[in-house]
Every structure is written in C-alpha cells, then in structure tokens.
Amino acid sequence: MKLGGRFIVIDGPDGSGKGTQLARLETWVNSAGGQCVRAKDPGGTQIGDRIRHVLLDYDLSSMDPHCETLLFMASRAQLVAEIVRPALAAGQTILCDRFISATCAYQVAAGFPRAHVLEMGRLAVGDTWPDLTIILDVPPKVGFERTGRKPQHVAKRGNSHTVGQLAMFDGATPDAMERRPLEFHRRVRALFRELPDVYPRPVAVLDAARQPDVVFADLQEVVRSAFE
C-alpha cells in the first residue's frame, strides 16, 4: 500500500463520525510507517482561519452566494498552497476533514449550481484534488441523534444559502444549527451520495450508521484498494 504523497479527504453529513474515522486512519497510516499531516476545511492556515472567522461569526444574510462560495475556495487555495502541496512533495499523507466535496453537497443543496462549484474549485486548487474522498453516509435523523441537535422542518429565519454554508461548520452556534430544515439535510445526503458520478477524482461512499469498528474496517479496505 503506497500512501506517501497521497491526499485523502473524509467528508459527510453532520454526525457521520468524520473525526473518529480520521483519528483511526491517522493511527493506522502512522503505524504502517507513514507520516500523516492533518488538515481541516475551511481554515487550517492563519489566512484560512481568518476567512473561517468571517464566514462563521458574522451575519451573512446580505452576502451573495457567489461571494460566500469564493471565500470558501479562497481558504482552500491557501490550504493547498501552504499545507497540502508541500506535504505531498515531501512524501507525506494528507488527511483532511472536508474539502470541495462539502460545498458540492451543502451549497448545492441551498441552490448554488454544482457546475459552478466545481469550476470555482478548479480555479482555487488547480490539479491538487484529493486522490480519494471517502463520504461517511448517515441518514439525517441518525446524525442528529448523535449530535444531540433538533432539526426543524422549516427554517426559522435567514436565507437558504446562509443556512447551507453554516451547516458545514462544526463550530456554528446552536441557533444556526437548529434553524436548518430537515429536508435540507436530506438533500445534502443525496448530493453526497451522487459525488462518485460527478466529482473529478475518486469518491467512495460508506454506510456510517453502523458501529465505528465496522465502518473503519470498510474504510481500510477502500484505502487498500485505492492505493495498493
């Protein structure tokens, strides 16, 4: 298995277990003699964290969806230039929590064209797309049970694209989380499941509603198959 110089992303809906599986994957790769570099999206660099602060901590109701999506892509451009490309050149393995795949689900669910997301992504990261993206798939209600959140069937306030982007942040306020309608999350899940057919690089979808050990066993098999 050749994981040196590989870029792997784990993505998926809220409550899918990304953090748990990333930690297990890091331990597994390191135990096999590899060297992992962890990254997160959006953020992960000093400049990216400033962009994350703008996206997360301000009222974005008046921000145009194009502007908002470009801010996400700007954070990714910096992450790729500062962290990802140097690590890959050094033969390390990049493990990233979310990437352009997330915007292909959350922002597209909020009404932004997927073709535009992919076009902006190519502008931001060039040819540095993940070698493998693993989507951890869970039904919205399972994810909410795991996180203790209570989704609404109708959004309380705020426009749809703001709700969509805030959904990508683990650090969003409870109020922002609770105002996301259940139907929106169903759409997000469906869009994640479509990625193997439309994403520029390989995508695998795993059933993450099962026990973490079972999910990780399947994740290991996907990684072995991709990089043997």
Protein backbone atom coordinates (compact mmCIF):
# COMPACT_ATOMS: atom_id res chain seq x y z
CA MET A 1 0.00 0.00 0.00
CA LYS A 2 1.52 3.28 -1.15
CA LEU A 3 0.18 6.19 0.89
CA GLY A 4 3.17 8.52 0.72
CA GLY A 5 2.34 11.62 -1.26
CA ARG A 6 -1.41 10.92 -1.15
CA PHE A 7 -4.23 13.34 -0.37
CA ILE A 8 -7.24 11.74 1.37
CA VAL A 9 -10.42 13.55 2.42
CA ILE A 10 -13.14 12.31 4.73
CA ASP A 11 -16.45 14.12 4.40
CA GLY A 12 -20.12 13.59 5.12
CA PRO A 13 -23.18 14.98 6.89
CA ASP A 14 -23.29 16.17 10.48
CA GLY A 15 -22.89 13.29 12.93
CA SER A 16 -21.32 10.93 10.40
CA GLY A 17 -18.22 10.30 12.53
CA LYS A 18 -15.59 12.11 10.48
CA GLY A 19 -13.41 12.97 13.45
CA THR A 20 -13.44 9.42 14.80
CA GLN A 21 -12.53 7.85 11.47
CA LEU A 22 -9.84 10.44 10.68
CA ALA A 23 -8.16 9.73 14.00
CA ARG A 24 -8.25 5.98 13.37
CA LEU A 25 -6.95 6.42 9.85
CA GLU A 26 -4.08 8.58 11.07
CA THR A 27 -3.07 5.96 13.66
CA TRP A 28 -3.26 3.19 11.06
CA VAL A 29 -1.16 5.03 8.48
CA ASN A 30 1.46 6.04 11.04
CA SER A 31 1.68 2.51 12.42
CA ALA A 32 2.42 1.29 8.90
CA GLY A 33 5.41 3.60 8.70
CA GLY A 34 3.72 6.55 7.05
CA GLN A 35 3.70 10.15 8.15
CA CYS A 36 0.36 11.96 8.28
CA VAL A 37 -0.39 15.66 8.10
CA ARG A 38 -3.86 16.61 9.32
CA ALA A 39 -5.80 19.42 7.67
CA LYS A 40 -9.25 20.92 8.00
CA ASP A 41 -11.55 22.80 5.66
CA PRO A 42 -12.35 25.64 5.81
CA GLY A 43 -9.38 27.01 7.71
CA GLY A 44 -6.23 25.12 8.60
CA THR A 45 -3.91 28.07 7.95
CA GLN A 46 -3.60 31.51 9.51
CA ILE A 47 -5.23 33.13 6.48
CA GLY A 48 -7.79 30.35 6.15
CA ASP A 49 -8.77 30.70 9.80
CA ARG A 50 -9.41 34.41 9.24
CA ILE A 51 -11.69 33.55 6.34
CA ARG A 52 -13.41 30.94 8.52
CA HIS A 53 -13.95 33.64 11.15
CA VAL A 54 -15.69 35.87 8.60
CA LEU A 55 -17.89 33.03 7.39
CA LEU A 56 -18.82 31.75 10.83
CA ASP A 57 -19.05 34.77 13.09
CA TYR A 58 -20.95 37.35 11.04
CA ASP A 59 -24.46 37.77 9.69
CA LEU A 60 -24.17 36.62 6.09
CA SER A 61 -27.80 37.24 5.13
CA SER A 62 -26.79 40.03 2.73
CA MET A 63 -23.81 38.19 1.22
CA ASP A 64 -24.19 36.99 -2.35
CA PRO A 65 -23.82 33.19 -2.68
CA HIS A 66 -21.02 33.67 -5.22
CA CYS A 67 -19.07 35.79 -2.74
CA GLU A 68 -19.59 33.25 0.02
CA THR A 69 -18.52 30.31 -2.12
CA LEU A 70 -15.45 32.22 -3.32
CA LEU A 71 -14.46 32.78 0.33
CA PHE A 72 -14.58 29.03 0.92
CA MET A 73 -12.49 28.47 -2.20
CA ALA A 74 -10.00 31.14 -1.13
CA SER A 75 -9.47 29.27 2.13
CA ARG A 76 -8.87 26.07 0.14
CA ALA A 77 -6.43 27.80 -2.21
CA GLN A 78 -4.33 28.85 0.78
CA LEU A 79 -4.58 25.41 2.39
CA VAL A 80 -3.39 23.70 -0.79
CA ALA A 81 -0.53 26.16 -1.34
CA GLU A 82 0.67 26.28 2.27
CA ILE A 83 -0.03 22.79 3.61
CA VAL A 84 -1.13 20.24 1.04
CA ARG A 85 1.34 20.66 -1.81
CA PRO A 86 4.45 20.88 0.43
CA ALA A 87 3.37 17.78 2.37
CA LEU A 88 2.72 15.80 -0.80
CA ALA A 89 6.08 16.86 -2.22
CA ALA A 90 7.71 15.59 0.98
CA GLY A 91 6.05 12.19 0.59
CA GLN A 92 3.64 12.68 3.48
CA THR A 93 -0.02 11.67 3.61
CA ILE A 94 -2.57 14.48 3.89
CA LEU A 95 -5.73 13.62 5.82
CA CYS A 96 -8.30 16.40 5.51
CA ASP A 97 -11.62 16.96 7.25
CA ARG A 98 -13.93 18.19 4.44
CA PHE A 99 -12.96 19.80 1.14
CA ILE A 100 -14.70 20.90 -2.07
CA SER A 101 -16.90 17.83 -1.71
CA ALA A 102 -18.65 19.57 1.20
CA THR A 103 -19.60 22.60 -0.88
CA CYS A 104 -20.84 20.22 -3.60
CA ALA A 105 -23.36 18.99 -1.04
CA TYR A 106 -24.22 21.84 1.33
CA GLN A 107 -24.06 24.81 -1.03
CA VAL A 108 -25.67 22.93 -3.91
CA ALA A 109 -28.47 21.85 -1.55
CA ALA A 110 -29.01 25.55 -0.87
CA GLY A 111 -29.46 26.22 -4.57
CA PHE A 112 -25.98 27.01 -5.94
CA PRO A 113 -25.20 25.22 -9.25
CA ARG A 114 -22.84 22.27 -8.82
CA ALA A 115 -21.09 23.06 -12.09
CA HIS A 116 -20.16 26.48 -10.70
CA VAL A 117 -18.81 24.91 -7.51
CA LEU A 118 -16.56 22.58 -9.49
CA GLU A 119 -15.42 25.40 -11.77
CA MET A 120 -14.51 27.57 -8.78
CA GLY A 121 -12.79 24.59 -7.20
CA ARG A 122 -10.57 24.09 -10.23
CA LEU A 123 -9.62 27.75 -10.14
CA ALA A 124 -8.78 27.55 -6.42
CA VAL A 125 -6.77 24.32 -6.26
CA GLY A 126 -5.70 23.63 -9.84
CA ASP A 127 -4.78 19.98 -10.21
CA THR A 128 -4.42 19.36 -6.46
CA TRP A 129 -7.63 17.45 -5.87
CA PRO A 130 -7.84 14.59 -3.36
CA ASP A 131 -6.59 11.22 -4.54
CA LEU A 132 -9.50 9.73 -2.61
CA THR A 133 -12.58 11.20 -0.95
CA ILE A 134 -14.49 8.99 1.48
CA ILE A 135 -18.07 10.02 2.22
CA LEU A 136 -19.46 8.74 5.52
CA ASP A 137 -23.15 8.33 4.81
CA VAL A 138 -25.78 8.58 7.55
CA PRO A 139 -29.49 9.44 7.46
CA PRO A 140 -30.11 12.93 8.87
CA LYS A 141 -32.05 11.66 11.87
CA VAL A 142 -29.17 9.38 12.88
CA GLY A 143 -26.74 12.27 12.60
CA PHE A 144 -28.96 14.49 14.73
CA GLU A 145 -29.33 11.81 17.38
CA ARG A 146 -25.54 11.53 17.58
CA THR A 147 -25.01 15.28 17.87
CA GLY A 148 -27.99 16.00 20.09
CA ARG A 149 -29.37 18.60 17.69
CA LYS A 150 -33.02 19.15 16.88
CA PRO A 151 -33.57 19.99 13.22
CA GLN A 152 -36.59 22.00 12.17
CA HIS A 153 -38.82 21.06 9.27
CA VAL A 154 -38.99 24.73 8.27
CA ALA A 155 -36.17 27.25 8.65
CA LYS A 156 -36.93 29.87 11.28
CA ARG A 157 -35.01 32.74 9.67
CA GLY A 158 -32.14 33.54 7.40
CA ASN A 159 -31.87 32.82 3.71
CA SER A 160 -31.22 29.38 2.30
CA HIS A 161 -27.63 29.83 1.21
CA THR A 162 -26.57 31.11 4.65
CA VAL A 163 -28.21 28.12 6.31
CA GLY A 164 -26.45 25.87 3.83
CA GLN A 165 -22.98 27.20 4.45
CA LEU A 166 -23.31 27.35 8.22
CA ALA A 167 -24.16 23.66 8.12
CA MET A 168 -20.56 22.96 7.09
CA PHE A 169 -19.16 24.25 10.37
CA ASP A 170 -18.79 22.07 13.45
CA GLY A 171 -18.35 25.30 15.44
CA ALA A 172 -21.54 27.06 14.38
CA THR A 173 -23.83 28.35 17.12
CA PRO A 174 -26.68 26.10 18.29
CA ASP A 175 -29.19 28.60 16.94
CA ALA A 176 -27.65 28.40 13.47
CA MET A 177 -27.65 24.62 13.65
CA GLU A 178 -31.25 24.34 14.81
CA ARG A 179 -32.66 26.56 12.07
CA ARG A 180 -31.62 24.14 9.31
CA PRO A 181 -34.68 22.30 7.95
CA LEU A 182 -34.73 18.51 7.90
CA GLU A 183 -35.49 18.48 4.18
CA PHE A 184 -32.31 20.45 3.55
CA HIS A 185 -30.26 17.72 5.25
CA ARG A 186 -31.98 15.04 3.21
CA ARG A 187 -30.92 16.90 0.09
CA VAL A 188 -27.36 17.22 1.42
CA ARG A 189 -27.20 13.48 1.96
CA ALA A 190 -28.50 12.77 -1.55
CA LEU A 191 -25.91 15.11 -3.07
CA PHE A 192 -23.08 13.47 -1.14
CA ARG A 193 -24.24 10.10 -2.47
CA GLU A 194 -24.15 11.44 -6.05
CA LEU A 195 -20.50 12.51 -5.84
CA PRO A 196 -18.96 9.26 -7.20
CA ASP A 197 -20.64 10.04 -10.53
CA VAL A 198 -19.78 13.74 -10.82
CA TYR A 199 -16.63 14.52 -8.81
CA PRO A 200 -13.36 14.97 -10.73
CA ARG A 201 -11.49 12.43 -8.57
CA PRO A 202 -12.39 9.06 -6.96
CA VAL A 203 -15.10 9.04 -4.29
CA ALA A 204 -16.22 6.12 -2.10
CA VAL A 205 -19.43 6.17 -0.03
CA LEU A 206 -19.54 4.14 3.18
CA ASP A 207 -22.51 3.32 5.39
CA ALA A 208 -21.55 5.15 8.58
CA ALA A 209 -24.73 4.35 10.52
CA ARG A 210 -23.03 1.17 11.76
CA GLN A 211 -20.62 0.73 14.66
CA PRO A 212 -17.32 2.67 14.29
CA ASP A 213 -15.21 -0.52 14.20
CA VAL A 214 -17.25 -1.90 11.30
CA VAL A 215 -17.08 1.40 9.43
CA PHE A 216 -13.32 1.60 9.90
CA ALA A 217 -12.81 -1.93 8.63
CA ASP A 218 -14.58 -0.94 5.41
CA LEU A 219 -12.63 2.30 5.27
CA GLN A 220 -9.35 0.38 5.49
CA GLU A 221 -10.44 -1.84 2.61
CA VAL A 222 -11.33 1.19 0.47
CA VAL A 223 -7.93 2.74 1.13
CA ARG A 224 -6.09 -0.52 0.40
CA SER A 225 -7.97 -0.95 -2.87
CA ALA A 226 -7.25 2.63 -3.93
CA PHE A 227 -3.53 2.60 -3.19
CA GLU A 228 -2.32 -0.98 -3.43
